[in-house]
Every structure is written in C-alpha cells, then in structure tokens.
C-alpha cells in the first residue's frame, strides 16, 4: 500500500514537472534567431548610420541592427516609412553603450528568454524571461515589443526600458525606470550628459558633469518653493487624444501625471498638453543630445514624405524658459542673453564669444595659487531650481576655496544665498546687480 502511494506521488510529481516544462516552452514556430550579417539598407536613417533590417516589423516600426562607427552595432527599433528617404528614427535600443560586432545574434529561445549575443556566445543583453511562461513575441501597433504568456499577459515589454525616447502610451514609473538619458553624440552611442527624471514631487532635467559630485538641475515643471508638498508623482505617461469640432478635429498630445495624495489617500491625474490639427498617435518625445525635450510627430497631410513635424520644444526662443537655460548653449563657458551667446568672461573683462571660450583650469588646491574674478548680474543655470545656502559671502568663498573641484561660486547679496558650482557652462545675464559670480582662475 505504501509502495502504491509512493508510485502515485512520483507519477503526480512527474506530471506536474512535465506540465511546468510544457508551460515554459515557446512553440517552435514562435522562436527565432537573426544574425547580424549581409547587405546594409538603402534608406536614410537617424545619425547617418548603416543598418540591417530584421524580419520583425509592424508598420511603421521595424527592428534593426545599426551602427555609426565600424563594427559596433546597436539592436534598435526604428520608426518611419520606406515610401520616402525621410529620416527613420531610432525610438528604442537594447544595448546602448554595449555594442555588438558582425555576426552577433538576436534570438528568442524555447525557454522564453530573448537574447542578444556576440558570435562567440557572450550574452550582451537579455530579457531574463527564461522559464516564466513566455509563448510568443509581438510588436504592437504602438511600438511596444512584448513577450507574453498563453493568456496574453506581458512577461516583458520594451516600454519598461526606454533610453532617450518615449512613445505614445509609454511611461516613466516611480520605483521602475524613472528617467530618460540623452545620447552622447551622433557618432558615440553611449549615455550622454542629460537626463529627464520623474521625481516624487516633480519632473526635472539634469546635467551630469564629470567634475560634479551629483547631477545639476537646469529645469523643472515645479521650481523650488520651499513648500512641504505631500503629493507624490507615481507615473508620467505620454498620451494622444482626439477632440472633434464642427469644422475640424484637433489632437491633444498630453503628459499625464498620476499623483497620490496621502491625506486622504487618493490618486488623481494632472496633465500638460500640446495641440495639433492632425492625428498625432505616431509621436515620440526625445531628450536630445543638447539636453532639450522635443516632440516629433508624423504629419499625414504631407503625403509624399510623411514628414516628421517638430511640434513642441521645451526650451526654445519664444518660450518663457529660453535657450539660455540649456547648460550647453554656450559650450564650455559663456554669457547668454536673449537666446544668444554674447560674451566670453575673462579675468580682464568680457570678450567676444566663440566656441573656444573656456575658463582657465585651476590645477592647484593651494589658495595662494588662484584668485577669483567677479561677474555682476549673472546666474548659473541651476540657481532657479535650487535653494542655495544662507551664509555670508566670505563663508561662501571659503567653502569654494577649500574644495579643489569647485570652479566658482554664485552669491545673491539681497538674500545672502550661496551656490558652489563644479561646472560653469552657460551663464545667463539677468540684469540684477545683486546676483554675483566669482570665477576661480590661476595666478599664472
């Protein structure tokens, strides 16, 4: 009797094991392997790269291998039509900063794991979905690539791992991927200096300097006010909604914020919108190489080219926050006014600005080896969105002097506030004589 019970138990375990295995297997017809080899595509693509298409597409999206430097490929999703040589845009990337070489493979195995690997088998990127019930891959109409189970539940989705781009329906999520990071340059596909971040109390843009201990803010939807706001941003989603009128339809391209208020505990939404006169569901938000945010959308009325329209720029010439707020507007150093770089500050006064404008480096930490020169009526790009420390000017200077990485300090005499800075970049002329800057410069 005991032997029979053991036999039944073993049979049950075997059946359960086999059932579990069968649940985790991707049907052979749904598995795939693509090799990075063959001829390059004929059309113009973003960043001027070469590309090879994969047979994974859904108009206007297609997966490709592309490169901007020889033998360094990124697996990416492109967005665009082949009816013209209008630029096709890269709206998602698997392996930024970790390029693969010729003959690399992209595969979905029977175990449900999707893998990008070098020709020698070294895994460069993967979805980590082995034996989690995946039965298939789908590229959805909105550009979201998903691995799903037998019930259609998403086990993995590309919308959860943006790089510098958001598509309509895609979100930044608190506790998950909560930021976009810019690309370094057209040629160099690694993380750049700028990030767009969803924070508990706001969304913000940051500049990251190798010299600074932390990223420096240069824009936010809510400037610092000193208020103890208990509301929390949970999610930021790019949405598109039509609104019909008697004569025409307009489309709202909207950032929707999901907000939690703990007293009482409720969830609400807030939004910022851009209006277009045509369907803008084929739109993306891009954090550019220059640190600016832009919306691009297809204009279906341009039948010949299906042209990309730049329908919104955050920091532009006609906005309340102009181009002078971009840290890199004047390169490494310069004074900006009315969106123009107008002067290069030097210890001997102001000179005409050029791309060569740069503050002299102080290589010594000894206070006797450097001094400060003064600028009146200027602000650093981060000042609008940070408090600064309340202190005497002498203490502010002393703090910068004792910090080898400090390149200068800013002081508002009317409020006795001090900002220590580790990178100068673009300074804005504000015309207020109480706003002072002191720039470190070597004695020799």
Protein backbone atom coordinates (compact mmCIF):
# COMPACT_ATOMS: atom_id res chain seq x y z
CA UNK A 1 0.00 0.00 0.00
CA UNK A 2 2.88 2.32 0.90
CA UNK A 3 4.61 1.40 -2.35
CA UNK A 4 1.44 2.23 -4.31
CA UNK A 5 1.16 5.62 -2.58
CA UNK A 6 4.79 6.39 -3.38
CA UNK A 7 4.22 5.40 -7.00
CA UNK A 8 1.18 7.68 -7.26
CA UNK A 9 3.14 10.54 -5.66
CA UNK A 10 6.03 10.08 -8.07
CA UNK A 11 3.66 9.98 -11.03
CA UNK A 12 1.97 13.17 -9.79
CA UNK A 13 5.33 14.90 -9.43
CA UNK A 14 6.36 13.82 -12.92
CA UNK A 15 3.08 15.05 -14.40
CA UNK A 16 3.44 18.36 -12.56
CA UNK A 17 7.04 18.70 -13.73
CA UNK A 18 6.17 17.90 -17.34
CA UNK A 19 3.23 20.31 -17.20
CA UNK A 20 5.50 23.06 -15.84
CA UNK A 21 8.05 22.40 -18.57
CA UNK A 22 5.38 22.46 -21.27
CA UNK A 23 4.07 25.74 -19.90
CA UNK A 24 7.51 27.36 -20.21
CA UNK A 25 8.27 26.24 -23.76
CA UNK A 26 7.86 28.64 -26.67
CA UNK A 27 6.37 26.86 -29.72
CA UNK A 28 9.00 26.21 -32.37
CA UNK A 29 7.08 28.40 -34.81
CA UNK A 30 7.47 31.38 -32.44
CA UNK A 31 11.20 31.04 -31.76
CA UNK A 32 13.68 32.91 -33.95
CA UNK A 33 17.35 33.66 -34.48
CA UNK A 34 18.67 36.57 -36.54
CA UNK A 35 22.33 37.04 -37.44
CA UNK A 36 23.92 40.44 -37.92
CA UNK A 37 25.25 39.91 -41.43
CA UNK A 38 24.56 40.79 -45.05
CA UNK A 39 23.89 43.96 -47.02
CA UNK A 40 23.04 47.29 -45.45
CA UNK A 41 19.69 49.02 -46.02
CA UNK A 42 19.23 51.70 -48.66
CA UNK A 43 17.31 54.40 -46.81
CA UNK A 44 18.43 57.37 -44.76
CA UNK A 45 18.32 56.77 -41.00
CA UNK A 46 18.95 58.91 -37.96
CA UNK A 47 22.58 59.70 -37.06
CA UNK A 48 23.67 58.78 -40.59
CA UNK A 49 24.31 55.16 -39.69
CA UNK A 50 24.28 51.91 -41.62
CA UNK A 51 21.61 49.36 -40.78
CA UNK A 52 20.38 45.84 -41.40
CA UNK A 53 16.69 45.04 -41.01
CA UNK A 54 15.27 42.05 -39.16
CA UNK A 55 12.07 40.33 -40.20
CA UNK A 56 10.31 41.67 -37.11
CA UNK A 57 8.17 44.60 -38.15
CA UNK A 58 4.79 46.27 -37.96
CA UNK A 59 4.39 49.47 -39.90
CA UNK A 60 5.87 51.95 -39.17
CA UNK A 61 8.19 50.05 -36.79
CA UNK A 62 10.98 47.56 -37.53
CA UNK A 63 13.82 46.01 -35.56
CA UNK A 64 17.31 46.55 -36.98
CA UNK A 65 20.99 46.33 -36.24
CA UNK A 66 22.59 49.73 -36.87
CA UNK A 67 25.98 51.32 -36.40
CA UNK A 68 27.52 54.79 -36.51
CA UNK A 69 31.09 53.56 -36.08
CA UNK A 70 32.58 50.48 -37.79
CA UNK A 71 31.72 47.07 -36.33
CA UNK A 72 29.86 48.47 -33.31
CA UNK A 73 26.15 47.65 -33.66
CA UNK A 74 23.08 48.51 -31.63
CA UNK A 75 19.89 46.45 -31.72
CA UNK A 76 17.19 49.09 -32.12
CA UNK A 77 13.60 49.75 -33.13
CA UNK A 78 13.22 52.24 -35.96
CA UNK A 79 10.15 54.31 -36.72
CA UNK A 80 9.48 55.57 -40.23
CA UNK A 81 8.18 54.68 -43.66
CA UNK A 82 10.03 53.30 -46.67
CA UNK A 83 7.94 55.38 -49.09
CA UNK A 84 10.48 58.15 -48.91
CA UNK A 85 14.03 58.80 -47.80
CA UNK A 86 12.83 60.87 -44.90
CA UNK A 87 14.88 60.12 -41.81
CA UNK A 88 13.90 56.98 -39.94
CA UNK A 89 14.19 57.49 -36.20
CA UNK A 90 15.53 55.13 -33.54
CA UNK A 91 12.93 55.02 -30.76
CA UNK A 92 14.20 52.12 -28.61
CA UNK A 93 17.58 50.47 -28.09
CA UNK A 94 18.54 47.26 -26.34
CA UNK A 95 22.28 47.69 -25.84
CA UNK A 96 23.29 51.34 -25.73
CA UNK A 97 26.93 51.58 -24.73
CA UNK A 98 27.43 47.83 -25.21
CA UNK A 99 27.74 47.40 -29.00
CA UNK A 100 27.94 44.01 -30.68
CA UNK A 101 30.04 43.04 -33.68
CA UNK A 102 29.46 41.37 -37.02
CA UNK A 103 27.66 38.01 -36.83
CA UNK A 104 26.11 38.76 -33.45
CA UNK A 105 22.76 37.01 -32.91
CA UNK A 106 19.36 38.09 -31.64
CA UNK A 107 17.15 35.17 -30.63
CA UNK A 108 14.07 34.03 -28.77
CA UNK A 109 14.71 30.55 -27.43
CA UNK A 110 12.33 27.77 -26.48
CA UNK A 111 12.79 28.69 -22.81
CA UNK A 112 11.27 32.14 -23.43
CA UNK A 113 14.43 34.19 -22.98
CA UNK A 114 15.22 36.81 -25.63
CA UNK A 115 18.97 37.26 -26.02
CA UNK A 116 21.43 39.47 -27.88
CA UNK A 117 24.80 37.74 -28.01
CA UNK A 118 28.15 38.01 -29.74
CA UNK A 119 29.10 35.41 -32.33
CA UNK A 120 31.12 33.57 -29.65
CA UNK A 121 28.01 33.27 -27.47
CA UNK A 122 28.81 36.01 -24.96
CA UNK A 123 25.50 37.48 -23.80
CA UNK A 124 25.36 41.28 -24.17
CA UNK A 125 21.68 41.85 -23.37
CA UNK A 126 18.71 39.67 -22.40
CA UNK A 127 15.15 39.90 -21.10
CA UNK A 128 15.72 37.41 -18.22
CA UNK A 129 12.44 35.67 -19.00
CA UNK A 130 13.61 32.05 -19.18
CA UNK A 131 11.02 29.55 -17.89
CA UNK A 132 8.49 32.25 -16.99
CA UNK A 133 5.70 31.06 -19.25
CA UNK A 134 6.54 33.02 -22.40
CA UNK A 135 4.86 31.59 -25.50
CA UNK A 136 5.46 34.35 -28.06
CA UNK A 137 6.77 37.74 -29.17
CA UNK A 138 4.65 40.61 -30.53
CA UNK A 139 5.47 44.03 -31.91
CA UNK A 140 2.34 46.01 -31.12
CA UNK A 141 0.86 48.89 -33.17
CA UNK A 142 2.18 51.50 -30.70
CA UNK A 143 5.77 50.23 -30.97
CA UNK A 144 5.75 48.26 -27.72
CA UNK A 145 7.54 44.92 -28.10
CA UNK A 146 6.23 42.28 -25.71
CA UNK A 147 6.86 38.72 -24.63
CA UNK A 148 3.55 37.26 -23.49
CA UNK A 149 2.21 34.10 -21.87
CA UNK A 150 -0.65 31.88 -23.05
CA UNK A 151 -3.21 34.25 -21.52
CA UNK A 152 -1.78 37.32 -23.23
CA UNK A 153 -0.18 38.67 -20.06
CA UNK A 154 3.00 40.64 -20.68
CA UNK A 155 6.01 38.93 -19.12
CA UNK A 156 8.38 41.55 -20.59
CA UNK A 157 7.82 44.74 -22.60
CA UNK A 158 10.17 47.22 -24.23
CA UNK A 159 8.07 50.10 -22.88
CA UNK A 160 9.59 49.33 -19.47
CA UNK A 161 13.12 50.12 -20.66
CA UNK A 162 13.28 53.45 -22.53
CA UNK A 163 16.59 55.10 -23.40
CA UNK A 164 16.16 58.70 -24.59
CA UNK A 165 12.69 58.35 -26.13
CA UNK A 166 9.06 57.88 -25.08
CA UNK A 167 6.36 56.71 -27.49
CA UNK A 168 2.64 57.41 -27.09
CA UNK A 169 1.37 55.14 -24.30
CA UNK A 170 4.80 54.77 -22.71
CA UNK A 171 5.52 55.87 -19.14
CA UNK A 172 8.17 56.79 -16.66
CA UNK A 173 7.33 54.99 -13.42
CA UNK A 174 8.31 55.63 -9.81
CA UNK A 175 10.07 52.57 -8.47
CA UNK A 176 10.87 51.41 -12.01
CA UNK A 177 12.55 53.09 -14.95
CA UNK A 178 12.00 56.70 -13.97
CA UNK A 179 14.23 58.61 -16.39
CA UNK A 180 15.37 59.18 -19.95
CA UNK A 181 19.09 59.62 -20.64
CA UNK A 182 20.39 61.51 -23.66
CA UNK A 183 22.76 60.11 -26.26
CA UNK A 184 26.37 61.41 -26.11
CA UNK A 185 26.65 62.40 -29.79
CA UNK A 186 25.57 61.35 -33.27
CA UNK A 187 28.60 59.09 -33.57
CA UNK A 188 29.01 57.93 -29.98
CA UNK A 189 26.06 55.84 -28.78
CA UNK A 190 26.66 55.88 -25.04
CA UNK A 191 24.83 57.69 -22.24
CA UNK A 192 25.15 61.45 -22.58
CA UNK A 193 25.25 64.23 -20.01
CA UNK A 194 21.50 64.91 -19.71
CA UNK A 195 18.60 63.13 -18.01
CA UNK A 196 14.85 63.68 -17.74
CA UNK A 197 13.73 62.34 -14.37
CA UNK A 198 10.40 61.59 -12.69
CA UNK A 199 10.79 62.52 -9.02
CA UNK A 200 8.33 62.25 -6.12
CA UNK A 201 7.45 65.98 -6.27
CA UNK A 202 8.23 66.96 -9.88
CA UNK A 203 9.81 66.07 -13.19
CA UNK A 204 13.20 67.61 -13.84
CA UNK A 205 16.09 67.87 -16.28
CA UNK A 206 19.64 67.31 -15.04
CA UNK A 207 23.14 67.84 -16.38
CA UNK A 208 25.82 65.39 -15.25
CA UNK A 209 29.40 66.66 -15.12
CA UNK A 210 32.45 64.51 -14.52
CA UNK A 211 33.63 67.16 -12.08
CA UNK A 212 30.43 67.37 -10.03
CA UNK A 213 29.56 65.01 -7.15
CA UNK A 214 25.92 64.99 -8.24
CA UNK A 215 23.82 65.92 -11.31
CA UNK A 216 22.86 69.60 -11.59
CA UNK A 217 19.25 70.56 -12.28
CA UNK A 218 18.51 73.03 -15.09
CA UNK A 219 14.72 72.74 -15.49
CA UNK A 220 11.68 71.51 -13.59
CA UNK A 221 7.92 71.75 -14.04
CA UNK A 222 7.80 72.99 -10.44
CA UNK A 223 10.57 75.41 -9.35
CA UNK A 224 11.59 75.07 -5.73
CA UNK A 225 9.16 76.94 -3.48
CA UNK A 226 10.06 75.71 -0.03
CA UNK A 227 6.62 74.13 0.41
CA UNK A 228 6.29 70.74 2.06
CA UNK A 229 4.06 69.24 -0.62
CA UNK A 230 2.94 65.74 0.34
CA UNK A 231 1.65 64.82 -3.12
CA UNK A 232 3.69 62.17 -4.91
CA UNK A 233 4.13 61.61 -8.64
CA UNK A 234 3.74 57.90 -9.40
CA UNK A 235 3.74 57.79 -13.18
CA UNK A 236 4.23 60.06 -16.18
CA UNK A 237 2.61 58.88 -19.44
CA UNK A 238 2.65 60.30 -22.97
CA UNK A 239 -0.91 60.11 -24.35
CA UNK A 240 -2.74 61.20 -27.50
CA UNK A 241 -6.45 62.14 -27.54
CA UNK A 242 -8.71 63.48 -30.31
CA UNK A 243 -11.29 66.19 -29.80
CA UNK A 244 -13.76 66.81 -32.59
CA UNK A 245 -15.27 70.13 -33.61
CA UNK A 246 -17.82 71.03 -36.30
CA UNK A 247 -15.20 72.02 -38.84
CA UNK A 248 -12.07 70.08 -37.95
CA UNK A 249 -10.54 67.76 -35.40
CA UNK A 250 -7.71 68.65 -33.07
CA UNK A 251 -5.47 66.24 -31.20
CA UNK A 252 -4.09 66.72 -27.73
CA UNK A 253 -0.63 65.32 -27.10
CA UNK A 254 -0.57 65.09 -23.34
CA UNK A 255 1.75 64.32 -20.46
CA UNK A 256 -0.47 62.71 -17.81
CA UNK A 257 0.81 62.67 -14.22
CA UNK A 258 -0.59 60.08 -11.80
CA UNK A 259 -0.45 61.71 -8.37
CA UNK A 260 -1.01 60.24 -4.90
CA UNK A 261 -2.25 62.43 -2.05
CA UNK A 262 -1.90 60.52 1.25
CA UNK A 263 -4.40 62.58 3.27
CA UNK A 264 -6.88 61.28 2.29
CA UNK A 265 -5.20 58.57 0.21
CA UNK A 266 -6.45 59.21 -3.31
CA UNK A 267 -4.98 59.07 -6.78
CA UNK A 268 -5.57 61.93 -9.20
CA UNK A 269 -4.25 62.99 -12.57
CA UNK A 270 -2.83 66.20 -13.96
CA UNK A 271 -1.68 66.97 -17.49
CA UNK A 272 0.25 69.27 -19.81
CA UNK A 273 -0.89 69.32 -23.46
CA UNK A 274 0.30 70.20 -26.95
CA UNK A 275 -2.34 70.65 -29.68
CA UNK A 276 -2.03 69.55 -33.31
CA UNK A 277 -4.53 69.66 -36.18
CA UNK A 278 -3.97 66.03 -37.18
CA UNK A 279 -3.67 62.55 -35.70
CA UNK A 280 -0.58 62.55 -33.51
CA UNK A 281 -0.63 58.97 -32.26
CA UNK A 282 2.60 58.35 -34.19
CA UNK A 283 4.62 60.64 -31.97
CA UNK A 284 7.70 60.38 -29.84
CA UNK A 285 9.27 62.50 -27.13
CA UNK A 286 13.05 62.78 -27.37
CA UNK A 287 15.60 64.01 -24.85
CA UNK A 288 18.10 65.39 -27.32
CA UNK A 289 21.87 65.32 -27.36
CA UNK A 290 21.73 69.01 -26.35
CA UNK A 291 19.55 68.30 -23.29
CA UNK A 292 16.35 69.76 -24.73
CA UNK A 293 12.97 67.98 -24.85
CA UNK A 294 11.12 67.81 -28.17
CA UNK A 295 8.00 66.16 -29.56
CA UNK A 296 8.18 64.79 -33.11
CA UNK A 297 5.08 63.53 -34.92
CA UNK A 298 4.10 62.35 -38.40
CA UNK A 299 2.17 64.85 -40.48
CA UNK A 300 -0.17 62.64 -42.57
CA UNK A 301 -1.06 65.60 -44.81
CA UNK A 302 2.45 65.53 -46.26
CA UNK A 303 1.55 62.58 -48.50
CA UNK A 304 4.82 62.48 -50.40
CA UNK A 305 7.25 62.44 -47.49
CA UNK A 306 5.26 61.58 -44.38
CA UNK A 307 7.40 64.31 -42.85
CA UNK A 308 8.31 64.49 -39.20
CA UNK A 309 6.96 67.67 -37.62
CA UNK A 310 8.69 69.07 -34.57
CA UNK A 311 5.52 70.08 -32.75
CA UNK A 312 6.99 71.10 -29.40
CA UNK A 313 10.32 72.24 -27.95
CA UNK A 314 10.60 72.77 -24.20
CA UNK A 315 13.38 75.37 -24.10
CA UNK A 316 13.03 77.46 -27.24
CA UNK A 317 13.45 81.06 -28.30
CA UNK A 318 9.84 82.07 -27.80
CA UNK A 319 9.23 80.26 -24.52
CA UNK A 320 9.36 81.69 -21.02
CA UNK A 321 12.32 79.39 -20.47
CA UNK A 322 14.57 80.21 -23.41
CA UNK A 323 17.62 78.51 -24.84
CA UNK A 324 19.87 80.25 -22.31
CA UNK A 325 18.66 77.69 -19.75
CA UNK A 326 20.35 74.88 -21.66
CA UNK A 327 23.68 74.17 -19.92
CA UNK A 328 25.50 73.61 -23.20
CA UNK A 329 24.00 76.53 -25.15
CA UNK A 330 27.31 78.43 -24.92
CA UNK A 331 29.59 75.41 -24.84
CA UNK A 332 32.10 75.11 -22.04
CA UNK A 333 31.69 78.74 -20.94
CA UNK A 334 29.86 81.88 -22.00
CA UNK A 335 27.29 84.54 -21.18
CA UNK A 336 23.85 84.10 -22.72
CA UNK A 337 21.17 86.73 -23.30
CA UNK A 338 18.00 86.55 -25.42
CA UNK A 339 18.96 83.04 -26.60
CA UNK A 340 22.36 84.23 -27.88
CA UNK A 341 25.88 83.66 -26.59
CA UNK A 342 27.05 87.26 -26.29
CA UNK A 343 30.34 87.27 -24.38
CA UNK A 344 33.24 85.22 -23.04
CA UNK A 345 34.14 86.22 -19.45
CA UNK A 346 37.85 86.59 -18.69
CA UNK A 347 39.83 88.00 -15.75
CA UNK A 348 40.44 91.10 -17.89
CA UNK A 349 36.78 91.66 -18.77
CA UNK A 350 34.38 90.42 -21.43
CA UNK A 351 35.47 89.42 -24.91
CA UNK A 352 33.51 88.23 -27.93
CA UNK A 353 32.14 84.73 -27.53
CA UNK A 354 33.30 81.79 -29.65
CA UNK A 355 33.21 78.02 -29.26
CA UNK A 356 36.74 78.24 -27.88
CA UNK A 357 35.57 80.18 -24.82
CA UNK A 358 36.70 78.33 -21.71
CA UNK A 359 37.59 79.25 -18.15
CA UNK A 360 41.23 78.64 -17.30
CA UNK A 361 41.73 75.49 -15.25
CA UNK A 362 42.99 75.75 -11.70
CA UNK A 363 45.23 72.74 -11.12
CA UNK A 364 46.40 73.59 -7.62
CA UNK A 365 44.43 73.33 -4.39
CA UNK A 366 46.60 75.95 -2.65
CA UNK A 367 44.69 79.17 -2.10
CA UNK A 368 47.81 81.17 -2.92
CA UNK A 369 47.85 79.75 -6.45
CA UNK A 370 44.49 81.15 -7.60
CA UNK A 371 42.10 84.05 -7.19
CA UNK A 372 38.52 84.94 -8.18
CA UNK A 373 37.30 87.40 -10.76
CA UNK A 374 33.85 88.92 -10.44
CA UNK A 375 30.85 88.98 -12.79
CA UNK A 376 27.80 91.14 -12.00
CA UNK A 377 24.20 90.38 -12.96
CA UNK A 378 24.58 86.74 -13.99
CA UNK A 379 23.17 83.40 -12.82
CA UNK A 380 24.18 79.78 -13.15
CA UNK A 381 21.67 77.51 -14.90
CA UNK A 382 20.81 75.59 -11.71
CA UNK A 383 20.06 78.59 -9.47
CA UNK A 384 16.38 78.93 -10.42
CA UNK A 385 15.63 75.40 -9.20
CA UNK A 386 17.80 75.16 -6.06
CA UNK A 387 17.74 77.00 -2.75
CA UNK A 388 21.39 77.72 -2.18
CA UNK A 389 22.81 78.03 1.33
CA UNK A 390 22.11 81.03 3.55
CA UNK A 391 25.55 82.25 4.56
CA UNK A 392 27.90 85.21 4.48
CA UNK A 393 29.76 85.85 1.25
CA UNK A 394 33.11 85.31 2.96
CA UNK A 395 31.97 81.88 4.13
CA UNK A 396 30.70 81.06 0.63
CA UNK A 397 34.10 81.93 -0.85
CA UNK A 398 35.91 79.99 1.84
CA UNK A 399 33.85 76.91 1.04
CA UNK A 400 34.78 77.09 -2.64
CA UNK A 401 38.43 77.82 -1.84
CA UNK A 402 38.72 74.71 0.33
CA UNK A 403 37.09 72.49 -2.33
CA UNK A 404 39.57 71.57 -5.05
CA UNK A 405 36.79 70.72 -7.51
CA UNK A 406 34.90 73.99 -7.05
CA UNK A 407 35.34 76.21 -10.13
CA UNK A 408 33.48 79.20 -8.76
CA UNK A 409 30.62 80.38 -6.60
CA UNK A 410 27.47 82.46 -7.06
CA UNK A 411 26.10 84.79 -4.45
CA UNK A 412 22.85 86.77 -4.17
CA UNK A 413 23.57 89.68 -1.85
CA UNK A 414 19.90 90.57 -1.35
CA UNK A 415 19.13 87.11 0.05
CA UNK A 416 22.58 86.09 1.36
CA UNK A 417 22.38 82.86 -0.61
CA UNK A 418 25.37 80.91 -1.85
CA UNK A 419 25.82 78.33 -4.61
CA UNK A 420 29.03 76.35 -5.08
CA UNK A 421 29.46 75.10 -8.65
CA UNK A 422 31.61 72.38 -10.19
CA UNK A 423 30.98 73.20 -13.84
CA UNK A 424 30.27 76.59 -15.39
CA UNK A 425 28.87 76.08 -18.90
CA UNK A 426 26.21 78.68 -19.83
CA UNK A 427 25.66 81.67 -17.53
CA UNK A 428 22.56 83.79 -18.04
CA UNK A 429 22.60 87.59 -17.93
CA UNK A 430 19.80 88.61 -15.54
CA UNK A 431 20.42 92.33 -15.17
CA UNK A 432 20.18 92.22 -11.38
CA UNK A 433 23.24 93.74 -9.72
CA UNK A 434 22.68 91.66 -6.57
CA UNK A 435 23.39 88.44 -8.50
CA UNK A 436 27.15 87.91 -8.46
CA UNK A 437 29.50 85.26 -9.79
CA UNK A 438 33.10 84.65 -8.72
CA UNK A 439 35.16 82.50 -11.08
CA UNK A 440 38.33 80.73 -9.98
CA UNK A 441 41.37 81.42 -12.14
CA UNK A 442 45.09 80.60 -11.71
CA UNK A 443 47.59 83.26 -10.68
CA UNK A 444 49.86 82.34 -13.57
